[in-house]
Amino acid sequence: MEGKTVGESSFVLSKVMTQQHTNPAGNVHGGIIAKLIDDACGVVSYRHARSNVVTASIDRIDFFGPVYVGDVLTVKASLNYVGKTSMEIGARVEAESLVTGEIRHTASAYLTSVALDEQGSPKEIPPVLLQTEEEIRRHQEAEARRVKRLAERKMQHV
């Protein structure tokens, strides 16, 4: 199976945040941001696997600051790690004020997706071809997170 580069599956999603996306305090709901992260990471997964995929886990979503009505929310998603049937996708969320032009890093997340065959069983996927030092670093960090996830899962079933 021929490998694919990180760039072949990377995806950027942008959306203007409106009143319908906010909580009573006037900030964009964390759940709205989480949904957009999942959407963007799903596209990355589909592009890499070229098959149906499901989100298997979300390690964490870290929120660093609020997003307001009128901001353009941008989710930048790309592969960090690829195993036999699963992959970790990293997402960086930025909010841009259209009035000032200020861009703020507002959230980050790591999601794991699993590729599925026509019967809904895990399916082998192409390896990732790492091309830059940053991609290698991100891959190594993702590998460490994977080991930690598997150890935690094993402890839950003891």
N, C-alpha and C. Protein backbone atom coordinates (compact mmCIF):
# COMPACT_ATOMS: atom_id res chain seq x y z
N MET A 1 0.86 -1.17 0.00
CA MET A 1 0.00 0.00 0.00
C MET A 1 0.91 1.24 0.00
N GLU A 2 0.64 2.12 -0.93
CA GLU A 2 1.45 3.33 -1.08
C GLU A 2 1.09 4.37 -0.02
N GLY A 3 2.11 4.98 0.59
CA GLY A 3 1.90 5.98 1.62
C GLY A 3 1.43 7.31 1.06
N LYS A 4 0.97 8.17 1.96
CA LYS A 4 0.52 9.51 1.60
C LYS A 4 1.19 10.53 2.51
N THR A 5 1.41 11.72 2.01
CA THR A 5 2.02 12.78 2.81
C THR A 5 0.97 13.43 3.71
N VAL A 6 1.46 14.12 4.72
CA VAL A 6 0.58 14.87 5.62
C VAL A 6 -0.22 15.91 4.83
N GLY A 7 0.45 16.57 3.91
CA GLY A 7 -0.19 17.61 3.11
C GLY A 7 -1.32 17.13 2.23
N GLU A 8 -1.30 15.86 1.85
CA GLU A 8 -2.35 15.33 0.98
C GLU A 8 -3.71 15.26 1.67
N SER A 9 -3.70 15.21 2.99
CA SER A 9 -4.97 15.09 3.70
C SER A 9 -5.30 16.29 4.59
N SER A 10 -4.38 17.21 4.76
CA SER A 10 -4.62 18.37 5.63
C SER A 10 -5.85 19.14 5.17
N PHE A 11 -6.50 19.81 6.13
CA PHE A 11 -7.76 20.50 5.81
C PHE A 11 -7.90 21.73 6.69
N VAL A 12 -8.44 22.79 6.11
CA VAL A 12 -8.73 24.02 6.85
C VAL A 12 -10.21 24.33 6.67
N LEU A 13 -10.90 24.53 7.80
CA LEU A 13 -12.32 24.85 7.81
C LEU A 13 -12.47 26.23 8.45
N SER A 14 -13.20 27.13 7.82
CA SER A 14 -13.46 28.45 8.39
C SER A 14 -14.95 28.73 8.37
N LYS A 15 -15.40 29.40 9.43
CA LYS A 15 -16.83 29.72 9.54
C LYS A 15 -16.99 30.99 10.37
N VAL A 16 -17.86 31.89 9.91
CA VAL A 16 -18.17 33.09 10.68
C VAL A 16 -19.10 32.70 11.81
N MET A 17 -18.76 33.13 13.02
CA MET A 17 -19.58 32.82 14.19
C MET A 17 -20.68 33.86 14.33
N THR A 18 -21.91 33.37 14.45
CA THR A 18 -23.07 34.25 14.55
C THR A 18 -23.78 34.04 15.89
N GLN A 19 -24.82 34.80 16.11
CA GLN A 19 -25.57 34.74 17.37
C GLN A 19 -26.05 33.32 17.68
N GLN A 20 -26.41 32.56 16.66
CA GLN A 20 -26.92 31.20 16.89
C GLN A 20 -25.87 30.26 17.48
N HIS A 21 -24.59 30.65 17.44
CA HIS A 21 -23.51 29.81 17.96
C HIS A 21 -23.15 30.13 19.41
N THR A 22 -23.85 31.08 20.02
CA THR A 22 -23.40 31.58 21.33
C THR A 22 -24.21 31.06 22.51
N ASN A 23 -23.58 31.17 23.68
CA ASN A 23 -24.25 30.89 24.94
C ASN A 23 -24.83 32.20 25.48
N PRO A 24 -25.54 32.18 26.61
CA PRO A 24 -26.14 33.42 27.13
C PRO A 24 -25.13 34.52 27.45
N ALA A 25 -23.87 34.17 27.65
CA ALA A 25 -22.84 35.18 27.93
C ALA A 25 -22.34 35.86 26.66
N GLY A 26 -22.75 35.34 25.49
CA GLY A 26 -22.34 35.95 24.23
C GLY A 26 -21.08 35.34 23.63
N ASN A 27 -20.56 34.28 24.24
CA ASN A 27 -19.39 33.58 23.70
C ASN A 27 -19.85 32.35 22.92
N VAL A 28 -19.05 31.95 21.96
CA VAL A 28 -19.39 30.76 21.18
C VAL A 28 -19.30 29.53 22.09
N HIS A 29 -20.32 28.68 22.01
CA HIS A 29 -20.38 27.44 22.79
C HIS A 29 -19.16 26.57 22.49
N GLY A 30 -18.60 25.97 23.55
CA GLY A 30 -17.52 25.00 23.36
C GLY A 30 -17.96 23.83 22.52
N GLY A 31 -19.23 23.45 22.63
CA GLY A 31 -19.75 22.34 21.83
C GLY A 31 -19.76 22.64 20.34
N ILE A 32 -20.01 23.90 19.99
CA ILE A 32 -19.96 24.30 18.57
C ILE A 32 -18.53 24.15 18.06
N ILE A 33 -17.58 24.61 18.87
CA ILE A 33 -16.16 24.51 18.48
C ILE A 33 -15.76 23.04 18.38
N ALA A 34 -16.21 22.21 19.33
CA ALA A 34 -15.89 20.78 19.30
C ALA A 34 -16.45 20.13 18.04
N LYS A 35 -17.65 20.49 17.64
CA LYS A 35 -18.27 19.94 16.42
C LYS A 35 -17.46 20.32 15.19
N LEU A 36 -17.01 21.57 15.11
CA LEU A 36 -16.22 22.00 13.96
C LEU A 36 -14.86 21.29 13.94
N ILE A 37 -14.27 21.07 15.12
CA ILE A 37 -13.03 20.31 15.20
C ILE A 37 -13.26 18.89 14.66
N ASP A 38 -14.33 18.24 15.11
CA ASP A 38 -14.63 16.88 14.67
C ASP A 38 -14.88 16.84 13.16
N ASP A 39 -15.58 17.84 12.64
CA ASP A 39 -15.83 17.92 11.19
C ASP A 39 -14.53 18.01 10.41
N ALA A 40 -13.63 18.92 10.83
CA ALA A 40 -12.37 19.12 10.12
C ALA A 40 -11.50 17.88 10.20
N CYS A 41 -11.42 17.28 11.39
CA CYS A 41 -10.60 16.08 11.56
C CYS A 41 -11.19 14.91 10.77
N GLY A 42 -12.50 14.87 10.65
CA GLY A 42 -13.14 13.84 9.84
C GLY A 42 -12.74 13.93 8.37
N VAL A 43 -12.66 15.15 7.85
CA VAL A 43 -12.24 15.33 6.45
C VAL A 43 -10.80 14.82 6.27
N VAL A 44 -9.93 15.14 7.22
CA VAL A 44 -8.54 14.66 7.14
C VAL A 44 -8.52 13.14 7.10
N SER A 45 -9.31 12.51 7.98
CA SER A 45 -9.36 11.05 8.06
C SER A 45 -9.87 10.44 6.75
N TYR A 46 -10.97 10.99 6.23
CA TYR A 46 -11.51 10.50 4.96
C TYR A 46 -10.49 10.65 3.84
N ARG A 47 -9.84 11.80 3.77
CA ARG A 47 -8.85 12.03 2.71
C ARG A 47 -7.71 11.02 2.78
N HIS A 48 -7.28 10.71 3.99
CA HIS A 48 -6.16 9.77 4.11
C HIS A 48 -6.61 8.34 3.82
N ALA A 49 -7.71 7.91 4.41
CA ALA A 49 -8.16 6.52 4.28
C ALA A 49 -8.93 6.27 2.98
N ARG A 50 -9.57 7.30 2.45
CA ARG A 50 -10.47 7.17 1.30
C ARG A 50 -11.48 6.06 1.54
N SER A 51 -12.03 6.09 2.76
CA SER A 51 -13.09 5.16 3.14
C SER A 51 -13.87 5.79 4.28
N ASN A 52 -14.92 5.10 4.69
CA ASN A 52 -15.68 5.58 5.85
C ASN A 52 -14.76 5.58 7.07
N VAL A 53 -14.94 6.56 7.93
CA VAL A 53 -14.15 6.67 9.16
C VAL A 53 -15.07 7.06 10.31
N VAL A 54 -14.64 6.72 11.52
CA VAL A 54 -15.37 7.15 12.71
C VAL A 54 -14.38 7.74 13.70
N THR A 55 -14.86 8.68 14.49
CA THR A 55 -14.03 9.22 15.57
C THR A 55 -14.05 8.21 16.69
N ALA A 56 -12.88 7.70 17.05
CA ALA A 56 -12.77 6.69 18.11
C ALA A 56 -12.55 7.34 19.47
N SER A 57 -11.83 8.47 19.48
CA SER A 57 -11.59 9.14 20.76
C SER A 57 -11.19 10.59 20.52
N ILE A 58 -11.44 11.37 21.53
CA ILE A 58 -10.92 12.74 21.60
C ILE A 58 -10.12 12.79 22.88
N ASP A 59 -8.79 12.88 22.73
CA ASP A 59 -7.93 12.89 23.92
C ASP A 59 -8.30 14.04 24.83
N ARG A 60 -8.39 15.20 24.25
CA ARG A 60 -8.73 16.39 25.02
C ARG A 60 -8.93 17.55 24.06
N ILE A 61 -9.70 18.50 24.51
CA ILE A 61 -9.81 19.78 23.82
C ILE A 61 -9.42 20.82 24.86
N ASP A 62 -8.40 21.57 24.56
CA ASP A 62 -7.97 22.65 25.44
C ASP A 62 -8.45 23.97 24.85
N PHE A 63 -9.22 24.71 25.65
CA PHE A 63 -9.71 26.03 25.24
C PHE A 63 -8.83 27.09 25.90
N PHE A 64 -8.31 28.00 25.10
CA PHE A 64 -7.39 29.01 25.60
C PHE A 64 -8.01 30.40 25.73
N GLY A 65 -9.14 30.61 25.09
CA GLY A 65 -9.78 31.91 25.16
C GLY A 65 -11.11 31.88 24.44
N PRO A 66 -11.94 32.88 24.68
CA PRO A 66 -13.28 32.90 24.08
C PRO A 66 -13.26 33.23 22.59
N VAL A 67 -14.35 32.83 21.96
CA VAL A 67 -14.63 33.19 20.57
C VAL A 67 -15.93 33.98 20.60
N TYR A 68 -15.97 35.06 19.86
CA TYR A 68 -17.11 35.98 19.92
C TYR A 68 -17.92 36.00 18.62
N VAL A 69 -19.15 36.48 18.72
CA VAL A 69 -19.97 36.71 17.54
C VAL A 69 -19.20 37.63 16.59
N GLY A 70 -19.19 37.27 15.33
CA GLY A 70 -18.49 38.07 14.32
C GLY A 70 -17.08 37.59 14.04
N ASP A 71 -16.51 36.77 14.93
CA ASP A 71 -15.18 36.21 14.67
C ASP A 71 -15.27 35.17 13.56
N VAL A 72 -14.20 35.04 12.79
CA VAL A 72 -14.06 33.93 11.86
C VAL A 72 -13.29 32.85 12.60
N LEU A 73 -13.92 31.72 12.79
CA LEU A 73 -13.28 30.58 13.46
C LEU A 73 -12.65 29.71 12.39
N THR A 74 -11.37 29.40 12.54
CA THR A 74 -10.66 28.56 11.59
C THR A 74 -10.08 27.36 12.31
N VAL A 75 -10.36 26.17 11.80
CA VAL A 75 -9.80 24.93 12.32
C VAL A 75 -8.81 24.41 11.29
N LYS A 76 -7.55 24.28 11.71
CA LYS A 76 -6.49 23.72 10.86
C LYS A 76 -6.22 22.31 11.37
N ALA A 77 -6.48 21.31 10.52
CA ALA A 77 -6.35 19.92 10.95
C ALA A 77 -5.40 19.16 10.04
N SER A 78 -4.57 18.31 10.67
CA SER A 78 -3.64 17.49 9.88
C SER A 78 -3.26 16.23 10.65
N LEU A 79 -2.79 15.25 9.89
CA LEU A 79 -2.37 13.98 10.47
C LEU A 79 -1.13 14.17 11.33
N ASN A 80 -1.13 13.50 12.48
CA ASN A 80 0.06 13.44 13.32
C ASN A 80 0.68 12.05 13.29
N TYR A 81 -0.19 11.03 13.24
CA TYR A 81 0.27 9.64 13.37
C TYR A 81 -0.69 8.73 12.61
N VAL A 82 -0.14 7.70 11.99
CA VAL A 82 -0.97 6.69 11.32
C VAL A 82 -0.50 5.32 11.77
N GLY A 83 -1.45 4.51 12.26
CA GLY A 83 -1.18 3.12 12.61
C GLY A 83 -1.71 2.22 11.51
N LYS A 84 -2.07 1.00 11.88
CA LYS A 84 -2.57 0.05 10.89
C LYS A 84 -3.97 0.41 10.40
N THR A 85 -4.87 0.75 11.34
CA THR A 85 -6.26 1.08 10.97
C THR A 85 -6.71 2.43 11.54
N SER A 86 -5.88 3.01 12.39
CA SER A 86 -6.27 4.26 13.05
C SER A 86 -5.27 5.37 12.77
N MET A 87 -5.70 6.58 13.06
CA MET A 87 -4.83 7.75 12.84
C MET A 87 -5.16 8.82 13.87
N GLU A 88 -4.13 9.57 14.27
CA GLU A 88 -4.35 10.71 15.15
C GLU A 88 -4.28 11.97 14.31
N ILE A 89 -5.26 12.83 14.52
CA ILE A 89 -5.33 14.11 13.82
C ILE A 89 -5.24 15.21 14.86
N GLY A 90 -4.41 16.20 14.60
CA GLY A 90 -4.30 17.35 15.47
C GLY A 90 -5.07 18.50 14.87
N ALA A 91 -5.70 19.29 15.74
CA ALA A 91 -6.46 20.45 15.28
C ALA A 91 -6.02 21.69 16.06
N ARG A 92 -5.80 22.76 15.34
CA ARG A 92 -5.51 24.07 15.93
C ARG A 92 -6.65 25.00 15.55
N VAL A 93 -7.25 25.65 16.55
CA VAL A 93 -8.40 26.52 16.31
C VAL A 93 -7.96 27.96 16.55
N GLU A 94 -8.26 28.80 15.58
CA GLU A 94 -7.95 30.22 15.68
C GLU A 94 -9.21 31.04 15.44
N ALA A 95 -9.29 32.16 16.13
CA ALA A 95 -10.41 33.10 15.93
C ALA A 95 -9.83 34.41 15.44
N GLU A 96 -10.41 34.92 14.37
CA GLU A 96 -9.97 36.19 13.80
C GLU A 96 -11.05 37.23 13.99
N SER A 97 -10.68 38.35 14.59
CA SER A 97 -11.59 39.48 14.68
C SER A 97 -11.58 40.18 13.32
N LEU A 98 -12.74 40.26 12.69
CA LEU A 98 -12.80 40.92 11.39
C LEU A 98 -12.66 42.44 11.53
N VAL A 99 -12.90 42.97 12.72
CA VAL A 99 -12.77 44.41 12.94
C VAL A 99 -11.32 44.82 13.10
N THR A 100 -10.57 44.06 13.93
CA THR A 100 -9.18 44.45 14.22
C THR A 100 -8.15 43.67 13.42
N GLY A 101 -8.54 42.50 12.91
CA GLY A 101 -7.60 41.64 12.20
C GLY A 101 -6.79 40.75 13.14
N GLU A 102 -7.00 40.90 14.45
CA GLU A 102 -6.27 40.08 15.42
C GLU A 102 -6.66 38.61 15.27
N ILE A 103 -5.64 37.73 15.28
CA ILE A 103 -5.87 36.29 15.23
C ILE A 103 -5.41 35.70 16.55
N ARG A 104 -6.33 34.96 17.21
CA ARG A 104 -6.03 34.37 18.52
C ARG A 104 -6.11 32.85 18.43
N HIS A 105 -5.11 32.19 19.00
CA HIS A 105 -5.15 30.72 19.13
C HIS A 105 -6.12 30.42 20.27
N THR A 106 -7.26 29.85 19.95
CA THR A 106 -8.32 29.70 20.96
C THR A 106 -8.51 28.27 21.46
N ALA A 107 -8.04 27.27 20.73
CA ALA A 107 -8.21 25.89 21.18
C ALA A 107 -7.29 24.96 20.40
N SER A 108 -7.02 23.80 20.99
CA SER A 108 -6.28 22.72 20.32
C SER A 108 -6.89 21.40 20.74
N ALA A 109 -6.77 20.40 19.88
CA ALA A 109 -7.34 19.09 20.19
C ALA A 109 -6.61 17.99 19.43
N TYR A 110 -6.72 16.77 19.97
CA TYR A 110 -6.21 15.56 19.32
C TYR A 110 -7.35 14.56 19.24
N LEU A 111 -7.62 14.07 18.03
CA LEU A 111 -8.66 13.08 17.82
C LEU A 111 -8.07 11.84 17.18
N THR A 112 -8.63 10.69 17.50
CA THR A 112 -8.24 9.44 16.85
C THR A 112 -9.41 8.95 16.03
N SER A 113 -9.14 8.62 14.78
CA SER A 113 -10.16 8.09 13.88
C SER A 113 -9.76 6.68 13.45
N VAL A 114 -10.77 5.87 13.16
CA VAL A 114 -10.55 4.52 12.66
C VAL A 114 -11.23 4.40 11.30
N ALA A 115 -10.50 3.83 10.34
CA ALA A 115 -11.06 3.59 9.00
C ALA A 115 -11.87 2.30 9.02
N LEU A 116 -12.98 2.30 8.29
CA LEU A 116 -13.87 1.14 8.25
C LEU A 116 -14.06 0.64 6.83
N ASP A 117 -14.17 -0.68 6.70
CA ASP A 117 -14.48 -1.26 5.39
C ASP A 117 -16.00 -1.26 5.18
N GLU A 118 -16.44 -1.89 4.09
CA GLU A 118 -17.86 -1.88 3.74
C GLU A 118 -18.73 -2.60 4.78
N GLN A 119 -18.14 -3.50 5.56
CA GLN A 119 -18.89 -4.23 6.59
C GLN A 119 -18.84 -3.53 7.95
N GLY A 120 -18.13 -2.40 8.02
CA GLY A 120 -18.03 -1.67 9.28
C GLY A 120 -16.92 -2.16 10.19
N SER A 121 -16.01 -2.96 9.66
CA SER A 121 -14.87 -3.45 10.44
C SER A 121 -13.66 -2.57 10.16
N PRO A 122 -12.74 -2.48 11.14
CA PRO A 122 -11.52 -1.68 10.91
C PRO A 122 -10.79 -2.13 9.64
N LYS A 123 -10.30 -1.15 8.92
CA LYS A 123 -9.67 -1.38 7.61
C LYS A 123 -8.25 -0.83 7.62
N GLU A 124 -7.33 -1.56 7.02
CA GLU A 124 -5.94 -1.10 6.94
C GLU A 124 -5.88 0.16 6.07
N ILE A 125 -5.03 1.09 6.49
CA ILE A 125 -4.90 2.37 5.78
C ILE A 125 -3.45 2.60 5.37
N PRO A 126 -3.24 3.50 4.42
CA PRO A 126 -1.87 3.78 3.96
C PRO A 126 -1.03 4.40 5.08
N PRO A 127 0.27 4.15 5.07
CA PRO A 127 1.14 4.82 6.04
C PRO A 127 1.27 6.30 5.69
N VAL A 128 1.73 7.08 6.66
CA VAL A 128 1.97 8.49 6.41
C VAL A 128 3.44 8.67 6.06
N LEU A 129 3.71 9.50 5.07
CA LEU A 129 5.07 9.81 4.65
C LEU A 129 5.46 11.15 5.26
N LEU A 130 6.36 11.11 6.22
CA LEU A 130 6.78 12.32 6.93
C LEU A 130 7.86 13.03 6.12
N GLN A 131 7.69 14.34 5.93
CA GLN A 131 8.61 15.08 5.05
C GLN A 131 9.40 16.18 5.75
N THR A 132 8.92 16.68 6.86
CA THR A 132 9.59 17.80 7.51
C THR A 132 9.96 17.44 8.94
N GLU A 133 10.85 18.22 9.52
CA GLU A 133 11.22 18.00 10.92
C GLU A 133 10.01 18.18 11.83
N GLU A 134 9.15 19.14 11.52
CA GLU A 134 7.94 19.36 12.33
C GLU A 134 7.02 18.14 12.26
N GLU A 135 6.84 17.57 11.07
CA GLU A 135 6.01 16.38 10.93
C GLU A 135 6.58 15.20 11.71
N ILE A 136 7.90 15.05 11.69
CA ILE A 136 8.56 13.98 12.46
C ILE A 136 8.35 14.20 13.94
N ARG A 137 8.53 15.43 14.41
CA ARG A 137 8.33 15.75 15.83
C ARG A 137 6.88 15.47 16.24
N ARG A 138 5.93 15.93 15.44
CA ARG A 138 4.52 15.71 15.76
C ARG A 138 4.18 14.21 15.78
N HIS A 139 4.78 13.46 14.85
CA HIS A 139 4.57 12.02 14.80
C HIS A 139 5.09 11.35 16.08
N GLN A 140 6.28 11.74 16.52
CA GLN A 140 6.86 11.16 17.73
C GLN A 140 6.01 11.50 18.96
N GLU A 141 5.55 12.73 19.05
CA GLU A 141 4.69 13.12 20.17
C GLU A 141 3.37 12.35 20.14
N ALA A 142 2.82 12.15 18.95
CA ALA A 142 1.57 11.40 18.81
C ALA A 142 1.77 9.94 19.17
N GLU A 143 2.91 9.39 18.82
CA GLU A 143 3.22 8.01 19.18
C GLU A 143 3.24 7.84 20.70
N ALA A 144 3.82 8.81 21.40
CA ALA A 144 3.85 8.78 22.87
C ALA A 144 2.44 8.88 23.43
N ARG A 145 1.58 9.73 22.85
CA ARG A 145 0.19 9.82 23.30
C ARG A 145 -0.55 8.50 23.07
N ARG A 146 -0.25 7.85 21.95
CA ARG A 146 -0.89 6.56 21.63
C ARG A 146 -0.52 5.51 22.68
N VAL A 147 0.74 5.44 23.03
CA VAL A 147 1.19 4.48 24.05
C VAL A 147 0.46 4.76 25.37
N LYS A 148 0.34 6.03 25.73
CA LYS A 148 -0.35 6.42 26.97
C LYS A 148 -1.83 6.04 26.90
N ARG A 149 -2.48 6.31 25.76
CA ARG A 149 -3.90 5.95 25.58
C ARG A 149 -4.12 4.46 25.75
N LEU A 150 -3.25 3.66 25.11
CA LEU A 150 -3.40 2.21 25.19
C LEU A 150 -3.18 1.70 26.60
N ALA A 151 -2.22 2.28 27.32
CA ALA A 151 -1.97 1.88 28.71
C ALA A 151 -3.17 2.24 29.59
N GLU A 152 -3.73 3.43 29.39
CA GLU A 152 -4.91 3.83 30.17
C GLU A 152 -6.10 2.93 29.88
N ARG A 153 -6.28 2.57 28.62
CA ARG A 153 -7.39 1.68 28.26
C ARG A 153 -7.21 0.31 28.91
N LYS A 154 -5.97 -0.17 28.90
CA LYS A 154 -5.69 -1.46 29.52
C LYS A 154 -5.99 -1.42 31.03
N MET A 155 -5.66 -0.31 31.69
CA MET A 155 -5.92 -0.17 33.13
C MET A 155 -7.42 -0.13 33.42
N GLN A 156 -8.20 0.41 32.50
CA GLN A 156 -9.65 0.49 32.69
C GLN A 156 -10.31 -0.88 32.63
N HIS A 157 -9.67 -1.81 31.95
CA HIS A 157 -10.25 -3.14 31.77
C HIS A 157 -9.67 -4.18 32.72
N VAL A 158 -8.91 -3.73 33.71
CA VAL A 158 -8.33 -4.66 34.69
C VAL A 158 -9.30 -4.91 35.81
